[in-house]
């Protein structure tokens, strides 16, 4: 209270400070194989795609060397991240990025 009996006004510094740290945004990545089977993963934008590749292979009982992972027809490397390969936009909601999974083929003339 102030000297005249009325409550003291709150100082602007007493207002809660909003967190300056950006929210970690997750995205959904769907791995779809040649037979139409789909497995969806929820990952951070900065997670190496190697984790998705390994999880998919474990789910299907295959080795990563037997498969190729593609996005828009371009082969993905294990060290790629969604930020480096996908066309991400800030504030997107409910967007699922599709990775195509194909069997490795050797040989040919």
PDB file of N, CA and C in Angstrom:
ATOM      1  N   UNK A   1       0.831  -1.175   0.000  1.00  0.00           N
ATOM      2  CA  UNK A   1       0.000   0.000   0.000  1.00  0.00           C
ATOM      3  C   UNK A   1       0.872   1.233   0.000  1.00  0.00           C
ATOM      4  N   UNK A   2       0.381   2.274  -0.614  1.00  0.00           N
ATOM      5  CA  UNK A   2       1.126   3.525  -0.617  1.00  0.00           C
ATOM      6  C   UNK A   2       0.761   4.327   0.627  1.00  0.00           C
ATOM      7  N   UNK A   3       1.372   5.495   0.788  1.00  0.00           N
ATOM      8  CA  UNK A   3       1.167   6.309   1.979  1.00  0.00           C
ATOM      9  C   UNK A   3      -0.265   6.812   2.101  1.00  0.00           C
ATOM     10  N   UNK A   4      -1.001   6.977   1.022  1.00  0.00           N
ATOM     11  CA  UNK A   4      -2.360   7.498   1.094  1.00  0.00           C
ATOM     12  C   UNK A   4      -3.412   6.407   1.258  1.00  0.00           C
ATOM     13  N   UNK A   5      -3.023   5.157   1.471  1.00  0.00           N
ATOM     14  CA  UNK A   5      -3.964   4.091   1.744  1.00  0.00           C
ATOM     15  C   UNK A   5      -4.380   3.283   0.530  1.00  0.00           C
ATOM     16  N   UNK A   6      -4.028   3.699  -0.686  1.00  0.00           N
ATOM     17  CA  UNK A   6      -4.393   2.926  -1.861  1.00  0.00           C
ATOM     18  C   UNK A   6      -3.280   1.926  -2.171  1.00  0.00           C
ATOM     19  N   UNK A   7      -3.645   0.838  -2.820  1.00  0.00           N
ATOM     20  CA  UNK A   7      -2.609  -0.151  -3.132  1.00  0.00           C
ATOM     21  C   UNK A   7      -1.576   0.429  -4.092  1.00  0.00           C
ATOM     22  N   UNK A   8      -0.338   0.005  -3.918  1.00  0.00           N
ATOM     23  CA  UNK A   8       0.752   0.474  -4.776  1.00  0.00           C
ATOM     24  C   UNK A   8       0.619  -0.173  -6.144  1.00  0.00           C
ATOM     25  N   UNK A   9       0.805   0.602  -7.215  1.00  0.00           N
ATOM     26  CA  UNK A   9       0.733  -0.006  -8.552  1.00  0.00           C
ATOM     27  C   UNK A   9       1.881  -0.989  -8.755  1.00  0.00           C
ATOM     28  N   UNK A  10       1.579  -2.051  -9.514  1.00  0.00           N
ATOM     29  CA  UNK A  10       2.610  -3.050  -9.782  1.00  0.00           C
ATOM     30  C   UNK A  10       3.612  -2.498 -10.772  1.00  0.00           C
ATOM     31  N   UNK A  11       4.852  -2.826 -10.561  1.00  0.00           N
ATOM     32  CA  UNK A  11       5.882  -2.373 -11.491  1.00  0.00           C
ATOM     33  C   UNK A  11       5.866  -3.281 -12.718  1.00  0.00           C
ATOM     34  N   UNK A  12       6.282  -2.762 -13.886  1.00  0.00           N
ATOM     35  CA  UNK A  12       6.284  -3.602 -15.095  1.00  0.00           C
ATOM     36  C   UNK A  12       7.191  -4.816 -14.964  1.00  0.00           C
ATOM     37  N   UNK A  13       8.204  -4.714 -14.103  1.00  0.00           N
ATOM     38  CA  UNK A  13       9.128  -5.838 -13.944  1.00  0.00           C
ATOM     39  C   UNK A  13       8.461  -7.017 -13.250  1.00  0.00           C
ATOM     40  N   UNK A  14       7.339  -6.794 -12.564  1.00  0.00           N
ATOM     41  CA  UNK A  14       6.660  -7.865 -11.855  1.00  0.00           C
ATOM     42  C   UNK A  14       5.849  -8.750 -12.798  1.00  0.00           C
ATOM     43  N   UNK A  15       5.630  -8.297 -14.014  1.00  0.00           N
ATOM     44  CA  UNK A  15       4.882  -9.093 -14.988  1.00  0.00           C
ATOM     45  C   UNK A  15       5.689 -10.335 -15.340  1.00  0.00           C
ATOM     46  N   UNK A  16       5.025 -11.475 -15.565  1.00  0.00           N
ATOM     47  CA  UNK A  16       5.764 -12.683 -15.911  1.00  0.00           C
ATOM     48  C   UNK A  16       6.515 -12.510 -17.227  1.00  0.00           C
ATOM     49  N   UNK A  17       7.716 -13.003 -17.244  1.00  0.00           N
ATOM     50  CA  UNK A  17       8.556 -12.919 -18.439  1.00  0.00           C
ATOM     51  C   UNK A  17       8.313 -14.171 -19.273  1.00  0.00           C
ATOM     52  N   UNK A  18       7.981 -13.982 -20.550  1.00  0.00           N
ATOM     53  CA  UNK A  18       7.756 -15.128 -21.421  1.00  0.00           C
ATOM     54  C   UNK A  18       9.075 -15.808 -21.728  1.00  0.00           C
ATOM     55  N   UNK A  19       9.013 -17.094 -21.852  1.00  0.00           N
ATOM     56  CA  UNK A  19      10.198 -17.882 -22.140  1.00  0.00           C
ATOM     57  C   UNK A  19      10.716 -17.528 -23.536  1.00  0.00           C
ATOM     58  N   UNK A  20      11.963 -17.125 -23.599  1.00  0.00           N
ATOM     59  CA  UNK A  20      12.566 -16.738 -24.873  1.00  0.00           C
ATOM     60  C   UNK A  20      13.049 -17.950 -25.673  1.00  0.00           C
ATOM     61  N   UNK A  21      13.115 -19.102 -25.035  1.00  0.00           N
ATOM     62  CA  UNK A  21      13.589 -20.311 -25.692  1.00  0.00           C
ATOM     63  C   UNK A  21      12.517 -20.808 -26.671  1.00  0.00           C
ATOM     64  N   UNK A  22      12.857 -21.033 -27.943  1.00  0.00           N
ATOM     65  CA  UNK A  22      11.849 -21.501 -28.900  1.00  0.00           C
ATOM     66  C   UNK A  22      11.390 -22.912 -28.548  1.00  0.00           C
ATOM     67  N   UNK A  23      10.132 -23.190 -28.866  1.00  0.00           N
ATOM     68  CA  UNK A  23       9.598 -24.524 -28.631  1.00  0.00           C
ATOM     69  C   UNK A  23      10.272 -25.515 -29.565  1.00  0.00           C
ATOM     70  N   UNK A  24      10.500 -26.708 -29.063  1.00  0.00           N
ATOM     71  CA  UNK A  24      11.030 -27.768 -29.908  1.00  0.00           C
ATOM     72  C   UNK A  24       9.870 -28.276 -30.740  1.00  0.00           C
ATOM     73  N   UNK A  25      10.003 -28.181 -32.034  1.00  0.00           N
ATOM     74  CA  UNK A  25       8.920 -28.612 -32.905  1.00  0.00           C
ATOM     75  C   UNK A  25       9.196 -30.014 -33.411  1.00  0.00           C
ATOM     76  N   UNK A  26       8.192 -30.823 -33.304  1.00  0.00           N
ATOM     77  CA  UNK A  26       8.274 -32.185 -33.816  1.00  0.00           C
ATOM     78  C   UNK A  26       7.544 -32.255 -35.151  1.00  0.00           C
ATOM     79  N   UNK A  27       7.983 -33.165 -35.968  1.00  0.00           N
ATOM     80  CA  UNK A  27       7.314 -33.405 -37.240  1.00  0.00           C
ATOM     81  C   UNK A  27       7.042 -34.905 -37.343  1.00  0.00           C
ATOM     82  N   UNK A  28       6.143 -35.251 -38.223  1.00  0.00           N
ATOM     83  CA  UNK A  28       5.863 -36.659 -38.474  1.00  0.00           C
ATOM     84  C   UNK A  28       6.480 -37.065 -39.801  1.00  0.00           C
ATOM     85  N   UNK A  29       7.169 -38.187 -39.765  1.00  0.00           N
ATOM     86  CA  UNK A  29       7.792 -38.741 -40.960  1.00  0.00           C
ATOM     87  C   UNK A  29       7.197 -40.121 -41.173  1.00  0.00           C
ATOM     88  N   UNK A  30       6.644 -40.335 -42.359  1.00  0.00           N
ATOM     89  CA  UNK A  30       6.047 -41.620 -42.698  1.00  0.00           C
ATOM     90  C   UNK A  30       6.961 -42.338 -43.691  1.00  0.00           C
ATOM     91  N   UNK A  31       7.377 -43.536 -43.330  1.00  0.00           N
ATOM     92  CA  UNK A  31       8.178 -44.366 -44.224  1.00  0.00           C
ATOM     93  C   UNK A  31       7.226 -45.331 -44.926  1.00  0.00           C
ATOM     94  N   UNK A  32       7.187 -45.242 -46.245  1.00  0.00           N
ATOM     95  CA  UNK A  32       6.266 -46.069 -47.032  1.00  0.00           C
ATOM     96  C   UNK A  32       7.079 -46.939 -47.986  1.00  0.00           C
ATOM     97  N   UNK A  33       6.812 -48.255 -47.947  1.00  0.00           N
ATOM     98  CA  UNK A  33       7.566 -49.162 -48.812  1.00  0.00           C
ATOM     99  C   UNK A  33       6.828 -49.437 -50.118  1.00  0.00           C
ATOM    100  N   UNK A  34       7.413 -50.281 -50.952  1.00  0.00           N
ATOM    101  CA  UNK A  34       6.881 -50.568 -52.282  1.00  0.00           C
ATOM    102  C   UNK A  34       5.547 -51.308 -52.238  1.00  0.00           C
ATOM    103  N   UNK A  35       5.267 -51.974 -51.120  1.00  0.00           N
ATOM    104  CA  UNK A  35       4.015 -52.724 -50.978  1.00  0.00           C
ATOM    105  C   UNK A  35       2.898 -51.870 -50.395  1.00  0.00           C
ATOM    106  N   UNK A  36       3.187 -50.614 -50.074  1.00  0.00           N
ATOM    107  CA  UNK A  36       2.186 -49.725 -49.514  1.00  0.00           C
ATOM    108  C   UNK A  36       2.127 -49.730 -47.997  1.00  0.00           C
ATOM    109  N   UNK A  37       2.985 -50.511 -47.359  1.00  0.00           N
ATOM    110  CA  UNK A  37       3.040 -50.551 -45.900  1.00  0.00           C
ATOM    111  C   UNK A  37       3.627 -49.238 -45.378  1.00  0.00           C
ATOM    112  N   UNK A  38       3.023 -48.677 -44.323  1.00  0.00           N
ATOM    113  CA  UNK A  38       3.450 -47.383 -43.801  1.00  0.00           C
ATOM    114  C   UNK A  38       3.788 -47.490 -42.317  1.00  0.00           C
ATOM    115  N   UNK A  39       4.866 -46.817 -41.916  1.00  0.00           N
ATOM    116  CA  UNK A  39       5.246 -46.695 -40.511  1.00  0.00           C
ATOM    117  C   UNK A  39       5.516 -45.212 -40.278  1.00  0.00           C
ATOM    118  N   UNK A  40       4.861 -44.638 -39.247  1.00  0.00           N
ATOM    119  CA  UNK A  40       5.001 -43.212 -38.981  1.00  0.00           C
ATOM    120  C   UNK A  40       5.828 -42.992 -37.721  1.00  0.00           C
ATOM    121  N   UNK A  41       6.720 -42.009 -37.783  1.00  0.00           N
ATOM    122  CA  UNK A  41       7.593 -41.654 -36.665  1.00  0.00           C
ATOM    123  C   UNK A  41       7.417 -40.181 -36.356  1.00  0.00           C
ATOM    124  N   UNK A  42       7.466 -39.822 -35.089  1.00  0.00           N
ATOM    125  CA  UNK A  42       7.422 -38.423 -34.671  1.00  0.00           C
ATOM    126  C   UNK A  42       8.807 -38.080 -34.147  1.00  0.00           C
ATOM    127  N   UNK A  43       9.475 -37.128 -34.827  1.00  0.00           N
ATOM    128  CA  UNK A  43      10.850 -36.782 -34.468  1.00  0.00           C
ATOM    129  C   UNK A  43      11.019 -35.267 -34.415  1.00  0.00           C
ATOM    130  N   UNK A  44      12.125 -34.848 -33.832  1.00  0.00           N
ATOM    131  CA  UNK A  44      12.470 -33.426 -33.818  1.00  0.00           C
ATOM    132  C   UNK A  44      13.014 -33.042 -35.185  1.00  0.00           C
ATOM    133  N   UNK A  45      12.967 -31.756 -35.481  1.00  0.00           N
ATOM    134  CA  UNK A  45      13.458 -31.253 -36.764  1.00  0.00           C
ATOM    135  C   UNK A  45      14.961 -31.478 -36.943  1.00  0.00           C
ATOM    136  N   UNK A  46      15.685 -31.627 -35.841  1.00  0.00           N
ATOM    137  CA  UNK A  46      17.145 -31.746 -35.893  1.00  0.00           C
ATOM    138  C   UNK A  46      17.640 -33.175 -35.697  1.00  0.00           C
ATOM    139  N   UNK A  47      16.729 -34.125 -35.583  1.00  0.00           N
ATOM    140  CA  UNK A  47      17.116 -35.519 -35.381  1.00  0.00           C
ATOM    141  C   UNK A  47      17.686 -36.101 -36.667  1.00  0.00           C
ATOM    142  N   UNK A  48      18.858 -36.740 -36.598  1.00  0.00           N
ATOM    143  CA  UNK A  48      19.385 -37.388 -37.806  1.00  0.00           C
ATOM    144  C   UNK A  48      18.415 -38.470 -38.290  1.00  0.00           C
ATOM    145  N   UNK A  49      18.229 -38.543 -39.596  1.00  0.00           N
ATOM    146  CA  UNK A  49      17.295 -39.514 -40.164  1.00  0.00           C
ATOM    147  C   UNK A  49      17.764 -40.954 -39.961  1.00  0.00           C
ATOM    148  N   UNK A  50      18.998 -41.123 -39.529  1.00  0.00           N
ATOM    149  CA  UNK A  50      19.525 -42.450 -39.216  1.00  0.00           C
ATOM    150  C   UNK A  50      18.637 -43.145 -38.178  1.00  0.00           C
ATOM    151  N   UNK A  51      18.094 -42.374 -37.239  1.00  0.00           N
ATOM    152  CA  UNK A  51      17.229 -42.962 -36.208  1.00  0.00           C
ATOM    153  C   UNK A  51      15.943 -43.511 -36.823  1.00  0.00           C
ATOM    154  N   UNK A  52      15.391 -42.795 -37.777  1.00  0.00           N
ATOM    155  CA  UNK A  52      14.192 -43.273 -38.464  1.00  0.00           C
ATOM    156  C   UNK A  52      14.530 -44.530 -39.270  1.00  0.00           C
ATOM    157  N   UNK A  53      15.653 -44.494 -39.972  1.00  0.00           N
ATOM    158  CA  UNK A  53      16.063 -45.633 -40.793  1.00  0.00           C
ATOM    159  C   UNK A  53      16.258 -46.886 -39.934  1.00  0.00           C
ATOM    160  N   UNK A  54      16.967 -46.715 -38.810  1.00  0.00           N
ATOM    161  CA  UNK A  54      17.221 -47.866 -37.933  1.00  0.00           C
ATOM    162  C   UNK A  54      15.925 -48.397 -37.320  1.00  0.00           C
ATOM    163  N   UNK A  55      15.032 -47.501 -36.898  1.00  0.00           N
ATOM    164  CA  UNK A  55      13.763 -47.913 -36.302  1.00  0.00           C
ATOM    165  C   UNK A  55      12.896 -48.643 -37.326  1.00  0.00           C
ATOM    166  N   UNK A  56      12.894 -48.154 -38.564  1.00  0.00           N
ATOM    167  CA  UNK A  56      12.122 -48.815 -39.623  1.00  0.00           C
ATOM    168  C   UNK A  56      12.667 -50.220 -39.871  1.00  0.00           C
ATOM    169  N   UNK A  57      13.985 -50.331 -39.979  1.00  0.00           N
ATOM    170  CA  UNK A  57      14.601 -51.638 -40.236  1.00  0.00           C
ATOM    171  C   UNK A  57      14.325 -52.614 -39.092  1.00  0.00           C
ATOM    172  N   UNK A  58      14.401 -52.124 -37.864  1.00  0.00           N
ATOM    173  CA  UNK A  58      14.117 -52.983 -36.713  1.00  0.00           C
ATOM    174  C   UNK A  58      12.660 -53.434 -36.741  1.00  0.00           C
ATOM    175  N   UNK A  59      11.752 -52.518 -37.089  1.00  0.00           N
ATOM    176  CA  UNK A  59      10.323 -52.817 -37.161  1.00  0.00           C
ATOM    177  C   UNK A  59      10.042 -53.888 -38.212  1.00  0.00           C
ATOM    178  N   UNK A  60      10.746 -53.839 -39.328  1.00  0.00           N
ATOM    179  CA  UNK A  60      10.515 -54.773 -40.439  1.00  0.00           C
ATOM    180  C   UNK A  60      11.425 -55.994 -40.403  1.00  0.00           C
ATOM    181  N   UNK A  61      12.411 -56.018 -39.500  1.00  0.00           N
ATOM    182  CA  UNK A  61      13.324 -57.153 -39.414  1.00  0.00           C
ATOM    183  C   UNK A  61      14.306 -57.209 -40.568  1.00  0.00           C
ATOM    184  N   UNK A  62      14.711 -56.051 -41.073  1.00  0.00           N
ATOM    185  CA  UNK A  62      15.640 -55.972 -42.199  1.00  0.00           C
ATOM    186  C   UNK A  62      16.896 -55.223 -41.795  1.00  0.00           C
ATOM    187  N   UNK A  63      17.952 -55.350 -42.603  1.00  0.00           N
ATOM    188  CA  UNK A  63      19.157 -54.563 -42.362  1.00  0.00           C
ATOM    189  C   UNK A  63      19.094 -53.292 -43.196  1.00  0.00           C
ATOM    190  N   UNK A  64      19.733 -52.248 -42.697  1.00  0.00           N
ATOM    191  CA  UNK A  64      19.693 -50.975 -43.411  1.00  0.00           C
ATOM    192  C   UNK A  64      20.390 -51.065 -44.771  1.00  0.00           C
ATOM    193  N   UNK A  65      21.373 -51.935 -44.899  1.00  0.00           N
ATOM    194  CA  UNK A  65      22.070 -52.099 -46.168  1.00  0.00           C
ATOM    195  C   UNK A  65      21.205 -52.689 -47.268  1.00  0.00           C
ATOM    196  N   UNK A  66      20.104 -53.320 -46.889  1.00  0.00           N
ATOM    197  CA  UNK A  66      19.208 -53.937 -47.868  1.00  0.00           C
ATOM    198  C   UNK A  66      18.185 -52.943 -48.415  1.00  0.00           C
ATOM    199  N   UNK A  67      18.121 -51.754 -47.820  1.00  0.00           N
ATOM    200  CA  UNK A  67      17.103 -50.773 -48.194  1.00  0.00           C
ATOM    201  C   UNK A  67      17.718 -49.447 -48.602  1.00  0.00           C
ATOM    202  N   UNK A  68      16.956 -48.680 -49.363  1.00  0.00           N
ATOM    203  CA  UNK A  68      17.307 -47.307 -49.713  1.00  0.00           C
ATOM    204  C   UNK A  68      16.153 -46.417 -49.301  1.00  0.00           C
ATOM    205  N   UNK A  69      16.487 -45.274 -48.726  1.00  0.00           N
ATOM    206  CA  UNK A  69      15.486 -44.330 -48.261  1.00  0.00           C
ATOM    207  C   UNK A  69      15.553 -43.084 -49.142  1.00  0.00           C
ATOM    208  N   UNK A  70      14.416 -42.681 -49.694  1.00  0.00           N
ATOM    209  CA  UNK A  70      14.359 -41.572 -50.644  1.00  0.00           C
ATOM    210  C   UNK A  70      13.342 -40.529 -50.200  1.00  0.00           C
ATOM    211  N   UNK A  71      13.636 -39.260 -50.500  1.00  0.00           N
ATOM    212  CA  UNK A  71      12.670 -38.185 -50.315  1.00  0.00           C
ATOM    213  C   UNK A  71      12.639 -37.391 -51.609  1.00  0.00           C
ATOM    214  N   UNK A  72      11.483 -37.291 -52.230  1.00  0.00           N
ATOM    215  CA  UNK A  72      11.327 -36.637 -53.540  1.00  0.00           C
ATOM    216  C   UNK A  72      12.311 -37.194 -54.567  1.00  0.00           C
ATOM    217  N   UNK A  73      12.519 -38.510 -54.539  1.00  0.00           N
ATOM    218  CA  UNK A  73      13.382 -39.168 -55.504  1.00  0.00           C
ATOM    219  C   UNK A  73      14.867 -39.038 -55.217  1.00  0.00           C
ATOM    220  N   UNK A  74      15.236 -38.330 -54.160  1.00  0.00           N
ATOM    221  CA  UNK A  74      16.648 -38.132 -53.811  1.00  0.00           C
ATOM    222  C   UNK A  74      17.004 -39.015 -52.626  1.00  0.00           C
ATOM    223  N   UNK A  75      18.130 -39.712 -52.738  1.00  0.00           N
ATOM    224  CA  UNK A  75      18.553 -40.631 -51.678  1.00  0.00           C
ATOM    225  C   UNK A  75      18.915 -39.855 -50.410  1.00  0.00           C
ATOM    226  N   UNK A  76      18.467 -40.387 -49.276  1.00  0.00           N
ATOM    227  CA  UNK A  76      18.761 -39.775 -47.981  1.00  0.00           C
ATOM    228  C   UNK A  76      19.974 -40.438 -47.355  1.00  0.00           C
ATOM    229  N   UNK A  77      20.808 -39.647 -46.723  1.00  0.00           N
ATOM    230  CA  UNK A  77      21.959 -40.149 -45.985  1.00  0.00           C
ATOM    231  C   UNK A  77      21.596 -40.222 -44.505  1.00  0.00           C
ATOM    232  N   UNK A  78      22.232 -41.115 -43.758  1.00  0.00           N
ATOM    233  CA  UNK A  78      21.925 -41.230 -42.331  1.00  0.00           C
ATOM    234  C   UNK A  78      22.157 -39.936 -41.548  1.00  0.00           C
ATOM    235  N   UNK A  79      23.082 -39.111 -41.986  1.00  0.00           N
ATOM    236  CA  UNK A  79      23.380 -37.873 -41.251  1.00  0.00           C
ATOM    237  C   UNK A  79      22.454 -36.722 -41.622  1.00  0.00           C
ATOM    238  N   UNK A  80      21.612 -36.901 -42.641  1.00  0.00           N
ATOM    239  CA  UNK A  80      20.652 -35.854 -43.011  1.00  0.00           C
ATOM    240  C   UNK A  80      19.641 -35.663 -41.891  1.00  0.00           C
ATOM    241  N   UNK A  81      19.118 -34.438 -41.790  1.00  0.00           N
ATOM    242  CA  UNK A  81      18.069 -34.134 -40.821  1.00  0.00           C
ATOM    243  C   UNK A  81      16.855 -33.592 -41.575  1.00  0.00           C
ATOM    244  N   UNK A  82      15.696 -33.588 -40.950  1.00  0.00           N
ATOM    245  CA  UNK A  82      14.529 -32.992 -41.611  1.00  0.00           C
ATOM    246  C   UNK A  82      14.776 -31.534 -42.011  1.00  0.00           C
ATOM    247  N   UNK A  83      15.486 -30.781 -41.170  1.00  0.00           N
ATOM    248  CA  UNK A  83      15.775 -29.380 -41.506  1.00  0.00           C
ATOM    249  C   UNK A  83      16.630 -29.256 -42.757  1.00  0.00           C
ATOM    250  N   UNK A  84      17.541 -30.207 -42.967  1.00  0.00           N
ATOM    251  CA  UNK A  84      18.448 -30.098 -44.106  1.00  0.00           C
ATOM    252  C   UNK A  84      17.853 -30.642 -45.404  1.00  0.00           C
ATOM    253  N   UNK A  85      16.865 -31.533 -45.319  1.00  0.00           N
ATOM    254  CA  UNK A  85      16.350 -32.182 -46.528  1.00  0.00           C
ATOM    255  C   UNK A  85      14.907 -31.849 -46.884  1.00  0.00           C
ATOM    256  N   UNK A  86      14.056 -31.648 -45.877  1.00  0.00           N
ATOM    257  CA  UNK A  86      12.638 -31.436 -46.145  1.00  0.00           C
ATOM    258  C   UNK A  86      12.357 -29.951 -46.306  1.00  0.00           C
ATOM    259  N   UNK A  87      11.278 -29.640 -47.000  1.00  0.00           N
ATOM    260  CA  UNK A  87      10.859 -28.253 -47.191  1.00  0.00           C
ATOM    261  C   UNK A  87       9.992 -27.840 -46.006  1.00  0.00           C
ATOM    262  N   UNK A  88      10.651 -27.595 -44.870  1.00  0.00           N
ATOM    263  CA  UNK A  88       9.926 -27.262 -43.643  1.00  0.00           C
ATOM    264  C   UNK A  88       9.536 -25.793 -43.638  1.00  0.00           C
ATOM    265  N   UNK A  89       8.362 -25.530 -43.096  1.00  0.00           N
ATOM    266  CA  UNK A  89       7.905 -24.156 -42.917  1.00  0.00           C
ATOM    267  C   UNK A  89       7.537 -23.976 -41.457  1.00  0.00           C
ATOM    268  N   UNK A  90       7.837 -22.806 -40.893  1.00  0.00           N
ATOM    269  CA  UNK A  90       7.524 -22.533 -39.499  1.00  0.00           C
ATOM    270  C   UNK A  90       6.017 -22.535 -39.290  1.00  0.00           C
ATOM    271  N   UNK A  91       5.605 -23.070 -38.154  1.00  0.00           N
ATOM    272  CA  UNK A  91       4.203 -23.035 -37.787  1.00  0.00           C
ATOM    273  C   UNK A  91       3.332 -24.059 -38.484  1.00  0.00           C
ATOM    274  N   UNK A  92       3.932 -24.986 -39.213  1.00  0.00           N
ATOM    275  CA  UNK A  92       3.125 -26.000 -39.892  1.00  0.00           C
ATOM    276  C   UNK A  92       2.512 -26.936 -38.859  1.00  0.00           C
ATOM    277  N   UNK A  93       1.285 -27.268 -39.067  1.00  0.00           N
ATOM    278  CA  UNK A  93       0.596 -28.214 -38.193  1.00  0.00           C
ATOM    279  C   UNK A  93       0.114 -29.395 -39.035  1.00  0.00           C
ATOM    280  N   UNK A  94       0.228 -30.573 -38.480  1.00  0.00           N
ATOM    281  CA  UNK A  94      -0.321 -31.785 -39.078  1.00  0.00           C
ATOM    282  C   UNK A  94       0.212 -32.087 -40.478  1.00  0.00           C
ATOM    283  N   UNK A  95       1.459 -31.777 -40.728  1.00  0.00           N
ATOM    284  CA  UNK A  95       2.077 -32.123 -42.000  1.00  0.00           C
ATOM    285  C   UNK A  95       2.907 -33.380 -41.780  1.00  0.00           C
ATOM    286  N   UNK A  96       2.707 -34.355 -42.655  1.00  0.00           N
ATOM    287  CA  UNK A  96       3.457 -35.604 -42.581  1.00  0.00           C
ATOM    288  C   UNK A  96       4.358 -35.682 -43.812  1.00  0.00           C
ATOM    289  N   UNK A  97       5.647 -35.868 -43.577  1.00  0.00           N
ATOM    290  CA  UNK A  97       6.607 -35.976 -44.670  1.00  0.00           C
ATOM    291  C   UNK A  97       6.802 -37.446 -44.990  1.00  0.00           C
ATOM    292  N   UNK A  98       6.712 -37.793 -46.280  1.00  0.00           N
ATOM    293  CA  UNK A  98       6.802 -39.188 -46.693  1.00  0.00           C
ATOM    294  C   UNK A  98       8.187 -39.509 -47.217  1.00  0.00           C
ATOM    295  N   UNK A  99       8.752 -40.564 -46.670  1.00  0.00           N
ATOM    296  CA  UNK A  99      10.014 -41.120 -47.151  1.00  0.00           C
ATOM    297  C   UNK A  99       9.669 -42.422 -47.857  1.00  0.00           C
ATOM    298  N   UNK A 100      10.187 -42.603 -49.050  1.00  0.00           N
ATOM    299  CA  UNK A 100       9.969 -43.850 -49.781  1.00  0.00           C
ATOM    300  C   UNK A 100      11.084 -44.824 -49.430  1.00  0.00           C
ATOM    301  N   UNK A 101      10.705 -46.074 -49.181  1.00  0.00           N
ATOM    302  CA  UNK A 101      11.657 -47.122 -48.831  1.00  0.00           C
ATOM    303  C   UNK A 101      11.626 -48.159 -49.948  1.00  0.00           C
ATOM    304  N   UNK A 102      12.778 -48.389 -50.557  1.00  0.00           N
ATOM    305  CA  UNK A 102      12.865 -49.360 -51.649  1.00  0.00           C
ATOM    306  C   UNK A 102      13.977 -50.349 -51.345  1.00  0.00           C
ATOM    307  N   UNK A 103      13.846 -51.537 -51.903  1.00  0.00           N
ATOM    308  CA  UNK A 103      14.874 -52.558 -51.747  1.00  0.00           C
ATOM    309  C   UNK A 103      16.085 -52.187 -52.596  1.00  0.00           C
ATOM    310  N   UNK A 104      17.248 -52.433 -52.063  1.00  0.00           N
ATOM    311  CA  UNK A 104      18.491 -52.201 -52.786  1.00  0.00           C
ATOM    312  C   UNK A 104      18.568 -53.193 -53.938  1.00  0.00           C
ATOM    313  N   UNK A 105      18.923 -52.718 -55.117  1.00  0.00           N
ATOM    314  CA  UNK A 105      19.052 -53.593 -56.282  1.00  0.00           C
ATOM    315  C   UNK A 105      20.485 -53.524 -56.782  1.00  0.00           C
ATOM    316  N   UNK A 106      21.045 -54.663 -57.006  1.00  0.00           N
ATOM    317  CA  UNK A 106      22.417 -54.754 -57.503  1.00  0.00           C
ATOM    318  C   UNK A 106      22.421 -55.350 -58.893  1.00  0.00           C
ATOM    319  N   UNK A 107      23.429 -54.990 -59.661  1.00  0.00           N
ATOM    320  CA  UNK A 107      23.606 -55.601 -60.969  1.00  0.00           C
ATOM    321  C   UNK A 107      22.971 -54.800 -62.076  1.00  0.00           C
ATOM    322  N   UNK A 108      22.848 -55.422 -63.204  1.00  0.00           N
ATOM    323  CA  UNK A 108      22.269 -54.762 -64.367  1.00  0.00           C
ATOM    324  C   UNK A 108      23.326 -54.523 -65.433  1.00  0.00           C
ATOM    325  N   UNK A 109      22.876 -54.437 -66.642  1.00  0.00           N
ATOM    326  CA  UNK A 109      23.793 -54.215 -67.766  1.00  0.00           C
ATOM    327  C   UNK A 109      23.413 -52.989 -68.518  1.00  0.00           C
TER     328      UNK A 109
END
